[in-house]
Amino acid sequence: MNMGSAGSPRGWRVALEPNQNALEVVLTDRTYVLPWAQFLYAEGGDDEVRLVFATHDVLARGAGLHALLADLAEHRLVGLQEPTRADRFGSSAGRYIRELSVHKAAS
């Protein structure tokens, strides 16, 4: 898989080719690999995006997240990365994830 935006400070990674098999969500204490086959929908705006899977909800907060939704709509999103504490409170401008969380879906 060819990766675009590798090491990008924005907090998400995309593949050059569409239709990836899974989304890798890397938090500071845990990593989740969520298969796109279980993806239900996404919603949000420029400051918050929610991705809903059959088993888990992923919530990203930050700025410029319409670009994240666009990458998701193009089936190119392969990874989300929780920022380090220093990055979370830095003065970032542009497109970035400030907060990332994963919760089990309500049953």
PDB file of N, CA and C in Angstrom:
ATOM      1  N   MET A   1       0.853  -1.177   0.000  1.00  0.00           N
ATOM      2  CA  MET A   1       0.000   0.000   0.000  1.00  0.00           C
ATOM      3  C   MET A   1       0.890   1.229   0.000  1.00  0.00           C
ATOM      4  N   ASN A   2       0.683   2.095  -0.920  1.00  0.00           N
ATOM      5  CA  ASN A   2       1.397   3.369  -0.961  1.00  0.00           C
ATOM      6  C   ASN A   2       0.688   4.348  -0.051  1.00  0.00           C
ATOM      7  N   MET A   3       1.454   5.006   0.771  1.00  0.00           N
ATOM      8  CA  MET A   3       0.867   5.923   1.737  1.00  0.00           C
ATOM      9  C   MET A   3       1.172   7.355   1.355  1.00  0.00           C
ATOM     10  N   GLY A   4       0.162   8.175   1.409  1.00  0.00           N
ATOM     11  CA  GLY A   4       0.358   9.605   1.278  1.00  0.00           C
ATOM     12  C   GLY A   4       0.265  10.205   2.666  1.00  0.00           C
ATOM     13  N   SER A   5       0.805  11.326   2.874  1.00  0.00           N
ATOM     14  CA  SER A   5       0.722  12.037   4.145  1.00  0.00           C
ATOM     15  C   SER A   5       1.349  11.271   5.300  1.00  0.00           C
ATOM     16  N   ALA A   6       2.290  10.385   5.047  1.00  0.00           N
ATOM     17  CA  ALA A   6       2.935   9.660   6.127  1.00  0.00           C
ATOM     18  C   ALA A   6       3.686  10.634   7.012  1.00  0.00           C
ATOM     19  N   GLY A   7       3.521  10.496   8.313  1.00  0.00           N
ATOM     20  CA  GLY A   7       4.179  11.383   9.242  1.00  0.00           C
ATOM     21  C   GLY A   7       3.597  12.775   9.268  1.00  0.00           C
ATOM     22  N   SER A   8       2.434  12.927   8.703  1.00  0.00           N
ATOM     23  CA  SER A   8       1.809  14.244   8.635  1.00  0.00           C
ATOM     24  C   SER A   8       1.354  14.691  10.010  1.00  0.00           C
ATOM     25  N   PRO A   9       1.586  15.936  10.368  1.00  0.00           N
ATOM     26  CA  PRO A   9       1.140  16.428  11.665  1.00  0.00           C
ATOM     27  C   PRO A   9      -0.373  16.570  11.763  1.00  0.00           C
ATOM     28  N   ARG A  10      -1.081  16.373  10.664  1.00  0.00           N
ATOM     29  CA  ARG A  10      -2.531  16.559  10.722  1.00  0.00           C
ATOM     30  C   ARG A  10      -3.239  15.455  11.490  1.00  0.00           C
ATOM     31  N   GLY A  11      -2.635  14.280  11.630  1.00  0.00           N
ATOM     32  CA  GLY A  11      -3.223  13.240  12.459  1.00  0.00           C
ATOM     33  C   GLY A  11      -3.941  12.139  11.715  1.00  0.00           C
ATOM     34  N   TRP A  12      -3.944  12.178  10.384  1.00  0.00           N
ATOM     35  CA  TRP A  12      -4.511  11.047   9.658  1.00  0.00           C
ATOM     36  C   TRP A  12      -3.666  10.723   8.445  1.00  0.00           C
ATOM     37  N   ARG A  13      -3.764   9.456   8.030  1.00  0.00           N
ATOM     38  CA  ARG A  13      -3.008   8.954   6.887  1.00  0.00           C
ATOM     39  C   ARG A  13      -3.982   8.492   5.816  1.00  0.00           C
ATOM     40  N   VAL A  14      -3.597   8.704   4.593  1.00  0.00           N
ATOM     41  CA  VAL A  14      -4.401   8.248   3.460  1.00  0.00           C
ATOM     42  C   VAL A  14      -3.523   7.393   2.543  1.00  0.00           C
ATOM     43  N   ALA A  15      -4.189   6.527   1.789  1.00  0.00           N
ATOM     44  CA  ALA A  15      -3.504   5.709   0.793  1.00  0.00           C
ATOM     45  C   ALA A  15      -3.654   6.378  -0.558  1.00  0.00           C
ATOM     46  N   LEU A  16      -2.726   6.118  -1.435  1.00  0.00           N
ATOM     47  CA  LEU A  16      -2.804   6.687  -2.777  1.00  0.00           C
ATOM     48  C   LEU A  16      -3.900   6.017  -3.603  1.00  0.00           C
ATOM     49  N   GLU A  17      -4.147   4.730  -3.310  1.00  0.00           N
ATOM     50  CA  GLU A  17      -5.232   4.053  -4.001  1.00  0.00           C
ATOM     51  C   GLU A  17      -6.423   3.881  -3.049  1.00  0.00           C
ATOM     52  N   PRO A  18      -7.654   3.934  -3.573  1.00  0.00           N
ATOM     53  CA  PRO A  18      -8.843   3.854  -2.722  1.00  0.00           C
ATOM     54  C   PRO A  18      -9.151   2.425  -2.281  1.00  0.00           C
ATOM     55  N   ASN A  19     -10.197   2.310  -1.465  1.00  0.00           N
ATOM     56  CA  ASN A  19     -10.749   1.026  -1.027  1.00  0.00           C
ATOM     57  C   ASN A  19      -9.787   0.195  -0.181  1.00  0.00           C
ATOM     58  N   GLN A  20      -9.405   0.722   0.943  1.00  0.00           N
ATOM     59  CA  GLN A  20      -8.575   0.012   1.898  1.00  0.00           C
ATOM     60  C   GLN A  20      -9.440  -0.953   2.717  1.00  0.00           C
ATOM     61  N   ASN A  21      -8.830  -1.951   3.349  1.00  0.00           N
ATOM     62  CA  ASN A  21      -9.576  -2.972   4.086  1.00  0.00           C
ATOM     63  C   ASN A  21      -9.938  -2.568   5.508  1.00  0.00           C
ATOM     64  N   ALA A  22      -9.107  -1.747   6.136  1.00  0.00           N
ATOM     65  CA  ALA A  22      -9.326  -1.440   7.547  1.00  0.00           C
ATOM     66  C   ALA A  22      -8.791  -0.050   7.882  1.00  0.00           C
ATOM     67  N   LEU A  23      -9.260   0.462   9.008  1.00  0.00           N
ATOM     68  CA  LEU A  23      -8.788   1.730   9.546  1.00  0.00           C
ATOM     69  C   LEU A  23      -7.987   1.428  10.812  1.00  0.00           C
ATOM     70  N   GLU A  24      -6.755   1.924  10.887  1.00  0.00           N
ATOM     71  CA  GLU A  24      -5.934   1.778  12.075  1.00  0.00           C
ATOM     72  C   GLU A  24      -6.061   3.063  12.898  1.00  0.00           C
ATOM     73  N   VAL A  25      -6.493   2.916  14.148  1.00  0.00           N
ATOM     74  CA  VAL A  25      -6.632   4.060  15.052  1.00  0.00           C
ATOM     75  C   VAL A  25      -5.606   3.869  16.161  1.00  0.00           C
ATOM     76  N   VAL A  26      -4.620   4.754  16.217  1.00  0.00           N
ATOM     77  CA  VAL A  26      -3.520   4.641  17.171  1.00  0.00           C
ATOM     78  C   VAL A  26      -3.701   5.679  18.279  1.00  0.00           C
ATOM     79  N   LEU A  27      -3.995   5.185  19.481  1.00  0.00           N
ATOM     80  CA  LEU A  27      -4.073   6.032  20.666  1.00  0.00           C
ATOM     81  C   LEU A  27      -2.774   5.874  21.446  1.00  0.00           C
ATOM     82  N   THR A  28      -2.544   6.682  22.454  1.00  0.00           N
ATOM     83  CA  THR A  28      -1.294   6.590  23.197  1.00  0.00           C
ATOM     84  C   THR A  28      -1.154   5.259  23.930  1.00  0.00           C
ATOM     85  N   ASP A  29      -2.252   4.650  24.349  1.00  0.00           N
ATOM     86  CA  ASP A  29      -2.173   3.420  25.136  1.00  0.00           C
ATOM     87  C   ASP A  29      -2.744   2.193  24.441  1.00  0.00           C
ATOM     88  N   ARG A  30      -3.297   2.334  23.232  1.00  0.00           N
ATOM     89  CA  ARG A  30      -3.948   1.209  22.575  1.00  0.00           C
ATOM     90  C   ARG A  30      -4.089   1.496  21.089  1.00  0.00           C
ATOM     91  N   THR A  31      -4.073   0.430  20.297  1.00  0.00           N
ATOM     92  CA  THR A  31      -4.303   0.548  18.859  1.00  0.00           C
ATOM     93  C   THR A  31      -5.497  -0.297  18.472  1.00  0.00           C
ATOM     94  N   TYR A  32      -6.362   0.256  17.637  1.00  0.00           N
ATOM     95  CA  TYR A  32      -7.528  -0.450  17.125  1.00  0.00           C
ATOM     96  C   TYR A  32      -7.371  -0.607  15.620  1.00  0.00           C
ATOM     97  N   VAL A  33      -7.768  -1.752  15.105  1.00  0.00           N
ATOM     98  CA  VAL A  33      -7.861  -1.964  13.667  1.00  0.00           C
ATOM     99  C   VAL A  33      -9.319  -2.313  13.400  1.00  0.00           C
ATOM    100  N   LEU A  34     -10.019  -1.385  12.774  1.00  0.00           N
ATOM    101  CA  LEU A  34     -11.457  -1.532  12.543  1.00  0.00           C
ATOM    102  C   LEU A  34     -11.701  -1.803  11.065  1.00  0.00           C
ATOM    103  N   PRO A  35     -12.295  -2.949  10.734  1.00  0.00           N
ATOM    104  CA  PRO A  35     -12.523  -3.276   9.318  1.00  0.00           C
ATOM    105  C   PRO A  35     -13.583  -2.372   8.704  1.00  0.00           C
ATOM    106  N   TRP A  36     -13.304  -1.918   7.491  1.00  0.00           N
ATOM    107  CA  TRP A  36     -14.261  -1.060   6.801  1.00  0.00           C
ATOM    108  C   TRP A  36     -15.570  -1.788   6.532  1.00  0.00           C
ATOM    109  N   ALA A  37     -15.565  -3.125   6.525  1.00  0.00           N
ATOM    110  CA  ALA A  37     -16.805  -3.886   6.336  1.00  0.00           C
ATOM    111  C   ALA A  37     -17.803  -3.613   7.460  1.00  0.00           C
ATOM    112  N   GLN A  38     -17.318  -3.137   8.614  1.00  0.00           N
ATOM    113  CA  GLN A  38     -18.195  -2.826   9.748  1.00  0.00           C
ATOM    114  C   GLN A  38     -18.515  -1.333   9.850  1.00  0.00           C
ATOM    115  N   PHE A  39     -18.058  -0.548   8.897  1.00  0.00           N
ATOM    116  CA  PHE A  39     -18.309   0.896   8.900  1.00  0.00           C
ATOM    117  C   PHE A  39     -19.761   1.166   8.532  1.00  0.00           C
ATOM    118  N   LEU A  40     -20.423   2.028   9.321  1.00  0.00           N
ATOM    119  CA  LEU A  40     -21.819   2.362   9.069  1.00  0.00           C
ATOM    120  C   LEU A  40     -21.972   3.749   8.446  1.00  0.00           C
ATOM    121  N   TYR A  41     -21.404   4.768   9.090  1.00  0.00           N
ATOM    122  CA  TYR A  41     -21.498   6.123   8.549  1.00  0.00           C
ATOM    123  C   TYR A  41     -20.552   7.049   9.297  1.00  0.00           C
ATOM    124  N   ALA A  42     -20.408   8.262   8.757  1.00  0.00           N
ATOM    125  CA  ALA A  42     -19.626   9.314   9.409  1.00  0.00           C
ATOM    126  C   ALA A  42     -20.451  10.587   9.374  1.00  0.00           C
ATOM    127  N   GLU A  43     -20.210  11.449  10.363  1.00  0.00           N
ATOM    128  CA  GLU A  43     -20.891  12.736  10.418  1.00  0.00           C
ATOM    129  C   GLU A  43     -19.951  13.731  11.062  1.00  0.00           C
ATOM    130  N   GLY A  44     -20.218  14.995  10.826  1.00  0.00           N
ATOM    131  CA  GLY A  44     -19.412  16.001  11.489  1.00  0.00           C
ATOM    132  C   GLY A  44     -19.262  17.257  10.672  1.00  0.00           C
ATOM    133  N   GLY A  45     -18.321  18.055  11.129  1.00  0.00           N
ATOM    134  CA  GLY A  45     -18.051  19.333  10.498  1.00  0.00           C
ATOM    135  C   GLY A  45     -16.577  19.627  10.557  1.00  0.00           C
ATOM    136  N   ASP A  46     -16.244  20.894  10.553  1.00  0.00           N
ATOM    137  CA  ASP A  46     -14.851  21.302  10.498  1.00  0.00           C
ATOM    138  C   ASP A  46     -14.098  21.059  11.806  1.00  0.00           C
ATOM    139  N   ASP A  47     -14.808  21.006  12.941  1.00  0.00           N
ATOM    140  CA  ASP A  47     -14.127  20.861  14.228  1.00  0.00           C
ATOM    141  C   ASP A  47     -14.336  19.510  14.905  1.00  0.00           C
ATOM    142  N   GLU A  48     -15.244  18.669  14.374  1.00  0.00           N
ATOM    143  CA  GLU A  48     -15.500  17.375  14.995  1.00  0.00           C
ATOM    144  C   GLU A  48     -16.040  16.400  13.953  1.00  0.00           C
ATOM    145  N   VAL A  49     -15.504  15.172  13.958  1.00  0.00           N
ATOM    146  CA  VAL A  49     -15.960  14.124  13.049  1.00  0.00           C
ATOM    147  C   VAL A  49     -16.167  12.858  13.858  1.00  0.00           C
ATOM    148  N   ARG A  50     -17.294  12.200  13.611  1.00  0.00           N
ATOM    149  CA  ARG A  50     -17.622  10.936  14.274  1.00  0.00           C
ATOM    150  C   ARG A  50     -17.736   9.849  13.208  1.00  0.00           C
ATOM    151  N   LEU A  51     -16.982   8.765  13.398  1.00  0.00           N
ATOM    152  CA  LEU A  51     -17.044   7.603  12.527  1.00  0.00           C
ATOM    153  C   LEU A  51     -17.721   6.491  13.312  1.00  0.00           C
ATOM    154  N   VAL A  52     -18.767   5.915  12.750  1.00  0.00           N
ATOM    155  CA  VAL A  52     -19.543   4.895  13.445  1.00  0.00           C
ATOM    156  C   VAL A  52     -19.333   3.546  12.757  1.00  0.00           C
ATOM    157  N   PHE A  53     -18.825   2.604  13.535  1.00  0.00           N
ATOM    158  CA  PHE A  53     -18.657   1.224  13.097  1.00  0.00           C
ATOM    159  C   PHE A  53     -19.655   0.369  13.882  1.00  0.00           C
ATOM    160  N   ALA A  54     -19.858  -0.866  13.480  1.00  0.00           N
ATOM    161  CA  ALA A  54     -20.805  -1.747  14.168  1.00  0.00           C
ATOM    162  C   ALA A  54     -20.426  -1.951  15.630  1.00  0.00           C
ATOM    163  N   THR A  55     -19.135  -1.967  15.944  1.00  0.00           N
ATOM    164  CA  THR A  55     -18.683  -2.273  17.294  1.00  0.00           C
ATOM    165  C   THR A  55     -18.102  -1.096  18.063  1.00  0.00           C
ATOM    166  N   HIS A  56     -17.671  -0.046  17.357  1.00  0.00           N
ATOM    167  CA  HIS A  56     -16.997   1.074  18.011  1.00  0.00           C
ATOM    168  C   HIS A  56     -17.362   2.400  17.344  1.00  0.00           C
ATOM    169  N   ASP A  57     -17.295   3.464  18.117  1.00  0.00           N
ATOM    170  CA  ASP A  57     -17.425   4.831  17.615  1.00  0.00           C
ATOM    171  C   ASP A  57     -16.066   5.506  17.769  1.00  0.00           C
ATOM    172  N   VAL A  58     -15.665   6.235  16.753  1.00  0.00           N
ATOM    173  CA  VAL A  58     -14.408   6.976  16.773  1.00  0.00           C
ATOM    174  C   VAL A  58     -14.757   8.453  16.685  1.00  0.00           C
ATOM    175  N   LEU A  59     -14.230   9.248  17.610  1.00  0.00           N
ATOM    176  CA  LEU A  59     -14.502  10.676  17.632  1.00  0.00           C
ATOM    177  C   LEU A  59     -13.194  11.441  17.501  1.00  0.00           C
ATOM    178  N   ALA A  60     -13.122  12.304  16.498  1.00  0.00           N
ATOM    179  CA  ALA A  60     -11.951  13.148  16.280  1.00  0.00           C
ATOM    180  C   ALA A  60     -12.380  14.600  16.431  1.00  0.00           C
ATOM    181  N   ARG A  61     -11.605  15.368  17.192  1.00  0.00           N
ATOM    182  CA  ARG A  61     -11.843  16.801  17.346  1.00  0.00           C
ATOM    183  C   ARG A  61     -10.581  17.538  16.931  1.00  0.00           C
ATOM    184  N   GLY A  62     -10.770  18.682  16.307  1.00  0.00           N
ATOM    185  CA  GLY A  62      -9.621  19.458  15.865  1.00  0.00           C
ATOM    186  C   GLY A  62     -10.046  20.609  14.995  1.00  0.00           C
ATOM    187  N   ALA A  63      -9.374  20.781  13.869  1.00  0.00           N
ATOM    188  CA  ALA A  63      -9.677  21.870  12.935  1.00  0.00           C
ATOM    189  C   ALA A  63      -9.436  21.380  11.513  1.00  0.00           C
ATOM    190  N   GLY A  64     -10.187  21.935  10.592  1.00  0.00           N
ATOM    191  CA  GLY A  64     -10.025  21.570   9.194  1.00  0.00           C
ATOM    192  C   GLY A  64     -10.424  20.137   8.887  1.00  0.00           C
ATOM    193  N   LEU A  65     -11.348  19.593   9.678  1.00  0.00           N
ATOM    194  CA  LEU A  65     -11.690  18.184   9.538  1.00  0.00           C
ATOM    195  C   LEU A  65     -12.619  17.878   8.367  1.00  0.00           C
ATOM    196  N   HIS A  66     -13.062  18.914   7.646  1.00  0.00           N
ATOM    197  CA  HIS A  66     -13.794  18.649   6.400  1.00  0.00           C
ATOM    198  C   HIS A  66     -12.884  17.870   5.446  1.00  0.00           C
ATOM    199  N   ALA A  67     -11.585  18.121   5.503  1.00  0.00           N
ATOM    200  CA  ALA A  67     -10.631  17.388   4.659  1.00  0.00           C
ATOM    201  C   ALA A  67     -10.582  15.913   5.054  1.00  0.00           C
ATOM    202  N   LEU A  68     -10.711  15.620   6.345  1.00  0.00           N
ATOM    203  CA  LEU A  68     -10.769  14.236   6.808  1.00  0.00           C
ATOM    204  C   LEU A  68     -12.013  13.548   6.247  1.00  0.00           C
ATOM    205  N   LEU A  69     -13.147  14.243   6.285  1.00  0.00           N
ATOM    206  CA  LEU A  69     -14.382  13.691   5.720  1.00  0.00           C
ATOM    207  C   LEU A  69     -14.233  13.441   4.215  1.00  0.00           C
ATOM    208  N   ALA A  70     -13.543  14.329   3.526  1.00  0.00           N
ATOM    209  CA  ALA A  70     -13.327  14.152   2.088  1.00  0.00           C
ATOM    210  C   ALA A  70     -12.468  12.924   1.811  1.00  0.00           C
ATOM    211  N   ASP A  71     -11.402  12.724   2.589  1.00  0.00           N
ATOM    212  CA  ASP A  71     -10.560  11.536   2.431  1.00  0.00           C
ATOM    213  C   ASP A  71     -11.363  10.273   2.735  1.00  0.00           C
ATOM    214  N   LEU A  72     -12.231  10.352   3.722  1.00  0.00           N
ATOM    215  CA  LEU A  72     -13.092   9.225   4.069  1.00  0.00           C
ATOM    216  C   LEU A  72     -14.066   8.921   2.930  1.00  0.00           C
ATOM    217  N   ALA A  73     -14.673   9.932   2.361  1.00  0.00           N
ATOM    218  CA  ALA A  73     -15.630   9.751   1.269  1.00  0.00           C
ATOM    219  C   ALA A  73     -14.961   9.152   0.032  1.00  0.00           C
ATOM    220  N   GLU A  74     -13.682   9.431  -0.152  1.00  0.00           N
ATOM    221  CA  GLU A  74     -12.939   8.886  -1.291  1.00  0.00           C
ATOM    222  C   GLU A  74     -12.385   7.494  -1.015  1.00  0.00           C
ATOM    223  N   HIS A  75     -12.694   6.926   0.150  1.00  0.00           N
ATOM    224  CA  HIS A  75     -12.257   5.571   0.530  1.00  0.00           C
ATOM    225  C   HIS A  75     -10.736   5.456   0.569  1.00  0.00           C
ATOM    226  N   ARG A  76     -10.062   6.508   1.037  1.00  0.00           N
ATOM    227  CA  ARG A  76      -8.598   6.508   1.085  1.00  0.00           C
ATOM    228  C   ARG A  76      -8.050   6.577   2.502  1.00  0.00           C
ATOM    229  N   LEU A  77      -8.909   6.744   3.497  1.00  0.00           N
ATOM    230  CA  LEU A  77      -8.456   6.878   4.879  1.00  0.00           C
ATOM    231  C   LEU A  77      -7.967   5.535   5.413  1.00  0.00           C
ATOM    232  N   VAL A  78      -6.739   5.487   5.915  1.00  0.00           N
ATOM    233  CA  VAL A  78      -6.190   4.241   6.446  1.00  0.00           C
ATOM    234  C   VAL A  78      -5.762   4.354   7.908  1.00  0.00           C
ATOM    235  N   GLY A  79      -5.585   5.560   8.423  1.00  0.00           N
ATOM    236  CA  GLY A  79      -5.119   5.676   9.797  1.00  0.00           C
ATOM    237  C   GLY A  79      -5.436   6.998  10.447  1.00  0.00           C
ATOM    238  N   LEU A  80      -5.688   6.911  11.756  1.00  0.00           N
ATOM    239  CA  LEU A  80      -5.854   8.095  12.599  1.00  0.00           C
ATOM    240  C   LEU A  80      -4.868   7.966  13.744  1.00  0.00           C
ATOM    241  N   GLN A  81      -4.258   9.071  14.144  1.00  0.00           N
ATOM    242  CA  GLN A  81      -3.227   9.064  15.178  1.00  0.00           C
ATOM    243  C   GLN A  81      -3.569  10.082  16.261  1.00  0.00           C
ATOM    244  N   GLU A  82      -3.620   9.630  17.509  1.00  0.00           N
ATOM    245  CA  GLU A  82      -3.821  10.556  18.616  1.00  0.00           C
ATOM    246  C   GLU A  82      -2.562  11.416  18.764  1.00  0.00           C
ATOM    247  N   PRO A  83      -2.724  12.718  18.907  1.00  0.00           N
ATOM    248  CA  PRO A  83      -1.542  13.572  19.047  1.00  0.00           C
ATOM    249  C   PRO A  83      -0.869  13.381  20.402  1.00  0.00           C
ATOM    250  N   THR A  84       0.420  13.664  20.449  1.00  0.00           N
ATOM    251  CA  THR A  84       1.120  13.651  21.725  1.00  0.00           C
ATOM    252  C   THR A  84       0.615  14.816  22.566  1.00  0.00           C
ATOM    253  N   ARG A  85       0.889  14.791  23.825  1.00  0.00           N
ATOM    254  CA  ARG A  85       0.436  15.871  24.709  1.00  0.00           C
ATOM    255  C   ARG A  85       0.969  17.231  24.249  1.00  0.00           C
ATOM    256  N   ALA A  86       2.230  17.265  23.852  1.00  0.00           N
ATOM    257  CA  ALA A  86       2.828  18.525  23.388  1.00  0.00           C
ATOM    258  C   ALA A  86       2.133  19.024  22.122  1.00  0.00           C
ATOM    259  N   ASP A  87       1.829  18.108  21.200  1.00  0.00           N
ATOM    260  CA  ASP A  87       1.153  18.498  19.962  1.00  0.00           C
ATOM    261  C   ASP A  87      -0.274  18.954  20.226  1.00  0.00           C
ATOM    262  N   ARG A  88      -0.915  18.360  21.221  1.00  0.00           N
ATOM    263  CA  ARG A  88      -2.301  18.687  21.537  1.00  0.00           C
ATOM    264  C   ARG A  88      -2.449  20.139  21.968  1.00  0.00           C
ATOM    265  N   PHE A  89      -1.446  20.661  22.655  1.00  0.00           N
ATOM    266  CA  PHE A  89      -1.544  22.021  23.176  1.00  0.00           C
ATOM    267  C   PHE A  89      -0.701  23.019  22.396  1.00  0.00           C
ATOM    268  N   GLY A  90      -0.085  22.550  21.322  1.00  0.00           N
ATOM    269  CA  GLY A  90       0.703  23.451  20.483  1.00  0.00           C
ATOM    270  C   GLY A  90      -0.206  24.374  19.691  1.00  0.00           C
ATOM    271  N   SER A  91       0.373  25.358  19.106  1.00  0.00           N
ATOM    272  CA  SER A  91      -0.416  26.314  18.320  1.00  0.00           C
ATOM    273  C   SER A  91      -0.414  25.900  16.865  1.00  0.00           C
ATOM    274  N   SER A  92      -1.148  24.846  16.562  1.00  0.00           N
ATOM    275  CA  SER A  92      -1.232  24.362  15.185  1.00  0.00           C
ATOM    276  C   SER A  92      -2.213  25.199  14.387  1.00  0.00           C
ATOM    277  N   ALA A  93      -1.926  25.334  13.132  1.00  0.00           N
ATOM    278  CA  ALA A  93      -2.844  26.014  12.226  1.00  0.00           C
ATOM    279  C   ALA A  93      -3.164  25.060  11.090  1.00  0.00           C
ATOM    280  N   GLY A  94      -4.313  25.211  10.508  1.00  0.00           N
ATOM    281  CA  GLY A  94      -4.677  24.381   9.365  1.00  0.00           C
ATOM    282  C   GLY A  94      -5.514  23.188   9.755  1.00  0.00           C
ATOM    283  N   ARG A  95      -5.176  22.024   9.186  1.00  0.00           N
ATOM    284  CA  ARG A  95      -5.928  20.786   9.374  1.00  0.00           C
ATOM    285  C   ARG A  95      -5.196  19.902  10.366  1.00  0.00           C
ATOM    286  N   TYR A  96      -5.864  19.540  11.456  1.00  0.00           N
ATOM    287  CA  TYR A  96      -5.222  18.675  12.442  1.00  0.00           C
ATOM    288  C   TYR A  96      -6.251  18.059  13.384  1.00  0.00           C
ATOM    289  N   ILE A  97      -5.860  16.941  13.991  1.00  0.00           N
ATOM    290  CA  ILE A  97      -6.647  16.306  15.047  1.00  0.00           C
ATOM    291  C   ILE A  97      -6.029  16.707  16.371  1.00  0.00           C
ATOM    292  N   ARG A  98      -6.828  17.268  17.256  1.00  0.00           N
ATOM    293  CA  ARG A  98      -6.385  17.667  18.584  1.00  0.00           C
ATOM    294  C   ARG A  98      -6.698  16.584  19.611  1.00  0.00           C
ATOM    295  N   GLU A  99      -7.821  15.893  19.428  1.00  0.00           N
ATOM    296  CA  GLU A  99      -8.299  14.879  20.357  1.00  0.00           C
ATOM    297  C   GLU A  99      -8.845  13.709  19.559  1.00  0.00           C
ATOM    298  N   LEU A 100      -8.572  12.492  20.010  1.00  0.00           N
ATOM    299  CA  LEU A 100      -9.064  11.293  19.335  1.00  0.00           C
ATOM    300  C   LEU A 100      -9.471  10.287  20.388  1.00  0.00           C
ATOM    301  N   SER A 101     -10.680   9.719  20.257  1.00  0.00           N
ATOM    302  CA  SER A 101     -11.137   8.728  21.216  1.00  0.00           C
ATOM    303  C   SER A 101     -11.911   7.624  20.509  1.00  0.00           C
ATOM    304  N   VAL A 102     -11.892   6.449  21.117  1.00  0.00           N
ATOM    305  CA  VAL A 102     -12.629   5.284  20.611  1.00  0.00           C
ATOM    306  C   VAL A 102     -13.452   4.734  21.755  1.00  0.00           C
ATOM    307  N   HIS A 103     -14.724   4.471  21.484  1.00  0.00           N
ATOM    308  CA  HIS A 103     -15.635   3.911  22.497  1.00  0.00           C
ATOM    309  C   HIS A 103     -16.399   2.747  21.897  1.00  0.00           C
ATOM    310  N   LYS A 104     -16.672   1.749  22.724  1.00  0.00           N
ATOM    311  CA  LYS A 104     -17.514   0.646  22.262  1.00  0.00           C
ATOM    312  C   LYS A 104     -18.888   1.189  21.948  1.00  0.00           C
ATOM    313  N   ALA A 105     -19.464   0.696  20.874  1.00  0.00           N
ATOM    314  CA  ALA A 105     -20.799   1.140  20.463  1.00  0.00           C
ATOM    315  C   ALA A 105     -21.831   0.665  21.484  1.00  0.00           C
ATOM    316  N   ALA A 106     -22.825   1.497  21.695  1.00  0.00           N
ATOM    317  CA  ALA A 106     -23.906   1.135  22.606  1.00  0.00           C
ATOM    318  C   ALA A 106     -24.681  -0.026  22.010  1.00  0.00           C
ATOM    319  N   SER A 107     -25.009  -1.013  22.881  1.00  0.00           N
ATOM    320  CA  SER A 107     -25.753  -2.151  22.357  1.00  0.00           C
ATOM    321  C   SER A 107     -27.208  -2.091  22.696  1.00  0.00           C
TER     322      SER A 107
END
